[in-house]
Amino acid sequence: MLNTAALAEPTTRPVPADENVLLDVRNLKMWFPRRKGWFGRDVTYVKAVDDVSFSIRQGETLGLVGESGCGKTTVGRCIMRVYEPTAGEIIYHQRGGASVDLAELSRQALIPYRQEIRMIFQDPYASLNPRMTVFEIVSEVLRVNKLASGSELEERVAGLLRRVGLRPEYMRRYPHTFSGGERQRIGIARALATNPRLIVADEAISALDVSIRAQILNLLKDLQDEFGLTYLFIAHDLSVVRHICNRVNVMYVGKLVESADSGVFYSYPKHPYTEALLSAVPIHNPRLRDKGRRIRLQGDVADPANPPSGCYFHPRCRYVQDICKTQAPPLHNVSNAVLDVDGNAHVAACHFAEELNLKGVKTLTPSPSPSGRGE
């Protein structure tokens, strides 16, 4: 049996109270059981998400980044309740000031909140039912929730298709007749159908051609301005995250290792893992390129079922010290960190965050404003 007492340990970083917060994720854990031995009697757990806490403010875009397998997609699916979290709270702040813990709700009780929290999936080919027309795909959520019917339903679907850049007469076609970018626009229209407040975008552009990515990003930003949307933007491409996100959270082997405002994050990283990720961001301006800046991490990402002792990143860290091998660093406010214009804290899980002088990315691109656009 899972030791629930161990799961109830307090997090190292309480989520700050903020009246503008739309979603609080507190102490979130998602452990997948893995059975082995004779008759599956021995059970170990893959700690895909292990004690993660963060908040998303109304109207902002929060980036969640990391290598493949770090747990960022699992976080998004826990928020959507695709997965039943092992432990933790997902506090959703409703209109009017009331709050509800989505992690405790039954499937039936979740139905009203599924209208306000929607998801855009990574694969535009697999996320659309090939046996349904575009009209059926986009209108399904409206019909199920009894939000529209008859001619009104058709008018709403037509309006959604126009808003995402598709012609309404396409609604009788099937998904196989569309390109990847067009399919993703259909997925965005489906997500917008219920007038949501929060959208979880899980690698929403990674499966698209480079020429199409900018179009989808600009569409997402325009929709955010028009409808006041809030995004949790899950990605691994840091150059894209820099373009659209106001704040960035970094995950490694199921844990949050750094969080900061986008502008501060890219210029002044405080965790060695973040420095390595940023070193892979391409610099298009040759005057700003720094030869030898690429940091190539040795070894593989740690196994979440059997992570190393101490800091999970220490086997791959070039700044490792003895304490890193034995003691797990807490996620804490970095005392000498550069703060953003609003004075928000910069937190990192590294014993030497105040001492290391890590390299960021030289860029002339301004930070995005709260609406997601550059100022």
Protein backbone atom coordinates (compact mmCIF):
# COMPACT_ATOMS: atom_id res chain seq x y z
CA MET A 1 0.00 0.00 0.00
CA LEU A 2 1.08 3.58 -0.62
CA ASN A 3 2.36 5.36 2.48
CA THR A 4 -0.06 8.28 2.67
CA ALA A 5 1.62 9.61 5.80
CA ALA A 6 4.81 10.19 3.84
CA LEU A 7 2.85 11.94 1.12
CA ALA A 8 1.36 14.39 3.60
CA GLU A 9 4.71 16.04 4.43
CA PRO A 10 4.55 19.84 4.01
CA THR A 11 6.09 21.37 0.93
CA THR A 12 9.27 23.41 1.18
CA ARG A 13 7.63 26.36 -0.55
CA PRO A 14 4.13 27.45 0.44
CA VAL A 15 2.18 29.14 -2.35
CA PRO A 16 1.88 32.89 -1.62
CA ALA A 17 -1.59 34.34 -1.22
CA ASP A 18 -2.55 36.56 -4.16
CA GLU A 19 -6.04 37.79 -4.97
CA ASN A 20 -5.19 37.62 -8.69
CA VAL A 21 -4.31 33.92 -8.57
CA LEU A 22 -6.55 31.75 -10.71
CA LEU A 23 -5.06 28.35 -9.85
CA ASP A 24 -2.95 27.14 -6.91
CA VAL A 25 -1.16 23.82 -7.23
CA ARG A 26 0.04 22.69 -3.80
CA ASN A 27 2.09 19.65 -2.88
CA LEU A 28 1.03 17.87 -6.06
CA LYS A 29 2.20 14.27 -6.35
CA MET A 30 1.53 11.72 -9.04
CA TRP A 31 3.08 8.33 -8.30
CA PHE A 32 2.45 5.48 -10.72
CA PRO A 33 2.68 1.97 -9.19
CA ARG A 34 5.01 -0.48 -10.89
CA ARG A 35 4.71 -4.13 -9.93
CA LYS A 36 7.47 -6.70 -10.24
CA GLY A 37 8.52 -10.03 -8.81
CA TRP A 38 6.43 -13.16 -8.47
CA PHE A 39 2.73 -12.43 -9.04
CA GLY A 40 3.46 -8.69 -8.91
CA ARG A 41 3.79 -8.67 -5.14
CA ASP A 42 6.64 -6.16 -5.06
CA VAL A 43 5.43 -2.64 -5.75
CA THR A 44 7.61 0.35 -6.46
CA TYR A 45 6.46 3.80 -7.53
CA VAL A 46 7.47 5.97 -10.45
CA LYS A 47 7.42 9.47 -8.97
CA ALA A 48 6.42 11.34 -12.13
CA VAL A 49 5.43 14.42 -10.10
CA ASP A 50 6.81 14.74 -6.59
CA ASP A 51 5.73 17.62 -4.32
CA VAL A 52 5.25 20.38 -6.90
CA SER A 53 3.73 23.74 -5.94
CA PHE A 54 3.10 26.81 -8.07
CA SER A 55 0.40 29.36 -8.88
CA ILE A 56 -1.04 30.80 -12.08
CA ARG A 57 -2.33 34.37 -12.06
CA GLN A 58 -5.34 35.55 -13.99
CA GLY A 59 -4.45 36.68 -17.53
CA GLU A 60 -0.84 35.48 -17.57
CA THR A 61 0.99 32.74 -19.43
CA LEU A 62 3.03 30.44 -17.21
CA GLY A 63 5.63 28.30 -18.95
CA LEU A 64 6.43 24.81 -17.67
CA VAL A 65 9.64 23.48 -19.21
CA GLY A 66 12.12 20.63 -18.92
CA GLU A 67 13.47 17.62 -20.74
CA SER A 68 11.20 14.82 -21.91
CA GLY A 69 10.16 12.69 -18.95
CA CYS A 70 10.51 15.43 -16.34
CA GLY A 71 6.78 15.32 -15.46
CA LYS A 72 5.48 18.53 -17.02
CA THR A 73 2.78 16.83 -19.11
CA THR A 74 1.73 14.80 -16.07
CA VAL A 75 1.21 18.06 -14.15
CA GLY A 76 -1.09 19.32 -16.91
CA ARG A 77 -3.08 16.10 -16.97
CA CYS A 78 -3.46 16.17 -13.18
CA ILE A 79 -4.87 19.70 -13.40
CA MET A 80 -7.32 18.46 -16.04
CA ARG A 81 -8.02 15.42 -13.83
CA VAL A 82 -7.12 13.06 -16.65
CA TYR A 83 -5.03 11.50 -13.88
CA GLU A 84 -6.17 11.12 -10.30
CA PRO A 85 -3.42 12.84 -8.24
CA THR A 86 -1.79 10.68 -5.61
CA ALA A 87 -1.70 13.62 -3.19
CA GLY A 88 -1.85 17.40 -3.13
CA GLU A 89 -4.33 20.18 -3.85
CA ILE A 90 -5.41 21.89 -7.07
CA ILE A 91 -7.20 25.00 -5.84
CA TYR A 92 -9.28 26.71 -8.50
CA HIS A 93 -10.49 30.24 -7.72
CA GLN A 94 -13.91 30.78 -9.23
CA ARG A 95 -15.58 33.98 -10.32
CA GLY A 96 -16.96 35.69 -7.25
CA GLY A 97 -14.15 34.65 -4.92
CA ALA A 98 -15.13 31.08 -4.01
CA SER A 99 -12.47 28.35 -4.26
CA VAL A 100 -12.64 24.63 -4.85
CA ASP A 101 -10.08 21.81 -4.69
CA LEU A 102 -10.35 20.05 -8.05
CA ALA A 103 -8.32 17.11 -6.75
CA GLU A 104 -11.11 16.13 -4.34
CA LEU A 105 -14.07 16.35 -6.74
CA SER A 106 -15.84 13.36 -8.19
CA ARG A 107 -16.14 12.93 -11.95
CA GLN A 108 -19.71 14.20 -11.84
CA ALA A 109 -18.82 17.23 -9.73
CA LEU A 110 -16.00 18.13 -12.15
CA ILE A 111 -18.34 18.66 -15.11
CA PRO A 112 -19.02 22.40 -14.53
CA TYR A 113 -15.29 23.12 -14.12
CA ARG A 114 -14.36 21.28 -17.29
CA GLN A 115 -16.11 24.10 -19.13
CA GLU A 116 -13.77 26.66 -17.53
CA ILE A 117 -10.51 24.69 -17.81
CA ARG A 118 -9.77 23.31 -21.27
CA MET A 119 -6.81 21.65 -22.95
CA ILE A 120 -4.99 21.88 -26.28
CA PHE A 121 -3.19 18.62 -27.01
CA GLN A 122 0.23 18.07 -28.52
CA ASP A 123 -0.64 15.85 -31.47
CA PRO A 124 -3.20 17.47 -33.81
CA TYR A 125 -3.52 14.16 -35.67
CA ALA A 126 -4.29 11.91 -32.69
CA SER A 127 -6.40 14.39 -30.72
CA LEU A 128 -9.20 14.61 -33.32
CA ASN A 129 -11.60 11.73 -33.88
CA PRO A 130 -11.22 10.72 -37.55
CA ARG A 131 -14.82 9.45 -37.65
CA MET A 132 -16.30 12.84 -36.70
CA THR A 133 -16.67 15.93 -38.84
CA VAL A 134 -15.25 19.28 -37.72
CA PHE A 135 -18.76 20.37 -36.75
CA GLU A 136 -19.22 17.30 -34.55
CA ILE A 137 -15.78 17.72 -32.95
CA VAL A 138 -16.23 21.40 -32.03
CA SER A 139 -19.91 21.18 -31.11
CA GLU A 140 -19.68 18.06 -28.95
CA VAL A 141 -18.82 19.91 -25.75
CA LEU A 142 -21.64 22.39 -26.39
CA ARG A 143 -24.18 19.62 -26.91
CA VAL A 144 -23.04 17.56 -23.93
CA ASN A 145 -23.26 20.58 -21.61
CA LYS A 146 -26.52 21.75 -23.23
CA LEU A 147 -25.05 25.16 -24.03
CA ALA A 148 -26.47 25.39 -27.55
CA SER A 149 -28.63 23.48 -29.99
CA GLY A 150 -30.15 23.73 -33.45
CA SER A 151 -29.27 26.75 -35.55
CA GLU A 152 -27.59 28.46 -32.59
CA LEU A 153 -25.17 25.54 -32.31
CA GLU A 154 -24.22 25.78 -35.97
CA GLU A 155 -23.75 29.55 -35.71
CA ARG A 156 -21.46 29.18 -32.70
CA VAL A 157 -19.32 26.57 -34.43
CA ALA A 158 -19.09 28.76 -37.53
CA GLY A 159 -18.03 31.72 -35.39
CA LEU A 160 -15.36 29.67 -33.62
CA LEU A 161 -13.93 28.44 -36.91
CA ARG A 162 -13.77 31.99 -38.26
CA ARG A 163 -12.01 33.16 -35.10
CA VAL A 164 -9.23 30.58 -35.45
CA GLY A 165 -8.74 31.30 -39.14
CA LEU A 166 -10.79 28.56 -40.80
CA ARG A 167 -13.69 28.89 -43.22
CA PRO A 168 -17.12 27.88 -41.80
CA GLU A 169 -17.92 25.77 -44.86
CA TYR A 170 -15.14 23.41 -43.74
CA MET A 171 -17.25 22.21 -40.80
CA ARG A 172 -18.67 19.25 -42.76
CA ARG A 173 -15.24 17.90 -43.60
CA TYR A 174 -13.30 15.21 -41.75
CA PRO A 175 -9.92 15.79 -40.04
CA HIS A 176 -7.88 13.85 -42.62
CA THR A 177 -8.56 16.58 -45.20
CA PHE A 178 -6.68 19.21 -43.17
CA SER A 179 -3.01 20.00 -42.67
CA GLY A 180 -1.34 19.80 -39.24
CA GLY A 181 -1.67 23.52 -38.61
CA GLU A 182 -5.34 23.50 -39.60
CA ARG A 183 -6.00 20.54 -37.32
CA GLN A 184 -4.43 22.39 -34.42
CA ARG A 185 -6.69 25.35 -35.18
CA ILE A 186 -9.64 22.95 -34.92
CA GLY A 187 -8.32 21.82 -31.54
CA ILE A 188 -8.07 25.45 -30.42
CA ALA A 189 -11.64 26.12 -31.57
CA ARG A 190 -12.80 23.11 -29.55
CA ALA A 191 -10.99 24.44 -26.47
CA LEU A 192 -12.60 27.88 -26.87
CA ALA A 193 -16.14 26.54 -27.32
CA THR A 194 -17.18 26.91 -23.66
CA ASN A 195 -15.57 30.33 -23.04
CA PRO A 196 -12.91 28.96 -20.67
CA ARG A 197 -10.78 30.92 -18.22
CA LEU A 198 -7.73 28.62 -18.18
CA ILE A 199 -6.25 26.65 -21.07
CA VAL A 200 -3.56 24.00 -20.59
CA ALA A 201 -1.51 23.98 -23.81
CA ASP A 202 0.51 20.76 -23.81
CA GLU A 203 3.29 21.12 -26.40
CA ALA A 204 0.71 22.80 -28.61
CA ILE A 205 3.15 23.64 -31.43
CA SER A 206 5.90 21.03 -31.13
CA ALA A 207 4.31 18.72 -33.75
CA LEU A 208 3.95 21.52 -36.31
CA ASP A 209 6.25 22.75 -39.05
CA VAL A 210 8.44 25.69 -38.11
CA SER A 211 6.67 27.90 -40.64
CA ILE A 212 3.32 27.21 -38.95
CA ARG A 213 4.44 27.62 -35.34
CA ALA A 214 4.58 31.41 -35.42
CA GLN A 215 1.05 31.56 -36.82
CA ILE A 216 -0.33 29.40 -34.00
CA LEU A 217 1.61 31.35 -31.35
CA ASN A 218 0.27 34.66 -32.66
CA LEU A 219 -3.24 33.19 -32.70
CA LEU A 220 -2.91 32.09 -29.06
CA LYS A 221 -1.71 35.55 -28.05
CA ASP A 222 -4.52 37.28 -29.94
CA LEU A 223 -7.09 35.01 -28.31
CA GLN A 224 -5.62 35.74 -24.89
CA ASP A 225 -6.01 39.48 -25.47
CA GLU A 226 -9.55 39.11 -26.80
CA PHE A 227 -10.99 36.69 -24.26
CA GLY A 228 -8.79 37.35 -21.20
CA LEU A 229 -7.46 33.79 -21.21
CA THR A 230 -4.89 32.34 -18.85
CA TYR A 231 -2.43 29.75 -20.20
CA LEU A 232 -0.34 27.00 -18.70
CA PHE A 233 2.08 26.60 -21.60
CA ILE A 234 3.94 23.27 -21.43
CA ALA A 235 6.93 23.11 -23.77
CA HIS A 236 10.54 22.11 -24.20
CA ASP A 237 11.51 24.79 -26.72
CA LEU A 238 12.80 27.67 -24.59
CA SER A 239 12.95 30.09 -27.50
CA VAL A 240 9.18 29.67 -27.94
CA VAL A 241 8.56 29.99 -24.20
CA ARG A 242 10.53 33.25 -24.18
CA HIS A 243 8.20 34.61 -26.86
CA ILE A 244 4.89 33.93 -25.13
CA CYS A 245 5.35 33.38 -21.37
CA ASN A 246 5.38 35.87 -18.51
CA ARG A 247 6.87 33.45 -15.97
CA VAL A 248 8.76 30.18 -16.33
CA ASN A 249 8.90 27.09 -14.10
CA VAL A 250 11.58 24.45 -14.67
CA MET A 251 11.04 20.79 -13.74
CA TYR A 252 13.60 18.01 -13.40
CA VAL A 253 12.69 14.40 -12.52
CA GLY A 254 9.28 15.33 -11.13
CA LYS A 255 10.41 18.29 -9.05
CA LEU A 256 10.33 22.04 -9.53
CA VAL A 257 13.92 23.32 -9.56
CA GLU A 258 13.55 27.00 -10.57
CA SER A 259 10.85 29.63 -11.05
CA ALA A 260 11.21 33.24 -12.15
CA ASP A 261 9.84 36.03 -14.30
CA SER A 262 10.62 35.39 -17.97
CA GLY A 263 13.03 38.30 -18.44
CA VAL A 264 14.94 37.51 -15.24
CA PHE A 265 14.89 33.78 -15.94
CA TYR A 266 16.62 34.07 -19.31
CA SER A 267 19.21 36.61 -18.22
CA TYR A 268 20.03 35.45 -14.69
CA PRO A 269 19.48 31.69 -14.18
CA LYS A 270 20.15 30.36 -10.69
CA HIS A 271 20.12 26.59 -11.20
CA PRO A 272 22.80 24.68 -13.16
CA TYR A 273 20.13 22.68 -14.99
CA THR A 274 18.52 25.90 -16.20
CA GLU A 275 21.89 27.16 -17.39
CA ALA A 276 22.35 23.99 -19.44
CA LEU A 277 18.88 24.32 -20.97
CA LEU A 278 19.46 27.97 -21.87
CA SER A 279 22.78 27.18 -23.49
CA ALA A 280 20.86 25.21 -26.14
CA VAL A 281 18.69 28.20 -27.12
CA PRO A 282 19.82 29.33 -30.60
CA ILE A 283 21.02 32.93 -30.92
CA HIS A 284 20.06 34.30 -34.32
CA ASN A 285 22.04 37.53 -34.00
CA PRO A 286 25.69 36.66 -34.77
CA ARG A 287 26.91 39.65 -32.75
CA LEU A 288 25.44 38.13 -29.59
CA ARG A 289 26.71 34.59 -30.07
CA ASP A 290 29.12 33.29 -27.46
CA LYS A 291 31.40 30.56 -28.74
CA GLY A 292 31.70 27.62 -26.37
CA ARG A 293 28.52 28.52 -24.48
CA ARG A 294 26.85 25.17 -25.27
CA ILE A 295 26.77 22.95 -22.17
CA ARG A 296 26.48 19.27 -22.98
CA LEU A 297 25.13 17.36 -20.01
CA GLN A 298 26.68 13.98 -19.37
CA GLY A 299 24.59 10.90 -18.63
CA ASP A 300 20.84 10.43 -18.79
CA VAL A 301 17.92 11.89 -16.88
CA ALA A 302 17.56 10.12 -13.52
CA ASP A 303 15.03 7.31 -13.18
CA PRO A 304 11.98 8.70 -11.28
CA ALA A 305 11.43 5.22 -9.84
CA ASN A 306 14.93 5.15 -8.39
CA PRO A 307 16.29 8.71 -8.19
CA PRO A 308 19.78 9.45 -6.83
CA SER A 309 20.29 10.63 -3.27
CA GLY A 310 20.58 14.31 -2.48
CA CYS A 311 20.04 16.63 -5.42
CA TYR A 312 18.60 14.67 -8.33
CA PHE A 313 20.72 16.68 -10.76
CA HIS A 314 24.08 16.10 -9.05
CA PRO A 315 25.25 13.17 -11.30
CA ARG A 316 25.12 15.54 -14.31
CA CYS A 317 26.07 18.84 -12.64
CA ARG A 318 29.49 20.36 -13.32
CA TYR A 319 29.33 22.38 -10.08
CA VAL A 320 28.63 19.38 -7.83
CA GLN A 321 29.95 19.37 -4.24
CA ASP A 322 29.80 16.71 -1.52
CA ILE A 323 26.68 18.20 0.07
CA CYS A 324 24.83 17.84 -3.23
CA LYS A 325 25.25 14.06 -3.11
CA THR A 326 23.70 13.64 0.32
CA GLN A 327 21.26 16.49 1.00
CA ALA A 328 18.34 17.50 -1.22
CA PRO A 329 18.33 21.30 -1.66
CA PRO A 330 15.08 23.05 -0.71
CA LEU A 331 13.30 25.30 -3.18
CA HIS A 332 13.98 28.72 -1.69
CA ASN A 333 14.06 32.44 -2.49
CA VAL A 334 17.48 33.33 -3.89
CA SER A 335 18.66 36.21 -1.70
CA ASN A 336 20.85 37.95 -4.30
CA ALA A 337 18.60 37.32 -7.31
CA VAL A 338 17.49 40.09 -9.64
CA LEU A 339 13.76 40.68 -9.17
CA ASP A 340 11.31 41.61 -11.89
CA VAL A 341 9.54 44.96 -12.10
CA ASP A 342 6.82 43.73 -9.74
CA GLY A 343 9.32 42.46 -7.18
CA ASN A 344 8.35 38.81 -7.58
CA ALA A 345 10.65 36.27 -6.00
CA HIS A 346 13.15 34.16 -7.91
CA VAL A 347 13.29 30.66 -6.40
CA ALA A 348 15.69 27.81 -7.07
CA ALA A 349 16.48 24.39 -5.61
CA CYS A 350 20.29 24.57 -5.44
CA HIS A 351 22.63 24.70 -2.44
CA PHE A 352 24.84 27.23 -4.23
CA ALA A 353 22.24 29.37 -6.01
CA GLU A 354 23.59 32.54 -4.34
CA GLU A 355 27.23 31.73 -5.11
CA LEU A 356 27.22 30.50 -8.71
CA ASN A 357 27.58 32.99 -11.56
CA LEU A 358 25.61 31.21 -14.27
CA LYS A 359 25.30 32.29 -17.89
CA GLY A 360 21.97 33.28 -19.35
CA VAL A 361 20.89 34.14 -22.86
CA LYS A 362 21.89 37.44 -24.41
CA THR A 363 18.87 38.82 -26.17
CA LEU A 364 17.50 42.08 -27.50
CA THR A 365 13.91 40.82 -27.36
CA PRO A 366 11.83 42.49 -24.60
CA SER A 367 9.95 40.52 -21.98
CA PRO A 368 6.29 39.81 -22.66
CA SER A 369 3.74 42.02 -20.94
CA PRO A 370 1.02 40.45 -18.72
CA SER A 371 -1.11 40.08 -21.83
CA GLY A 372 1.60 37.91 -23.37
CA ARG A 373 2.84 40.54 -25.83
CA GLY A 374 6.21 42.23 -25.88
CA GLU A 375 6.30 45.82 -24.67
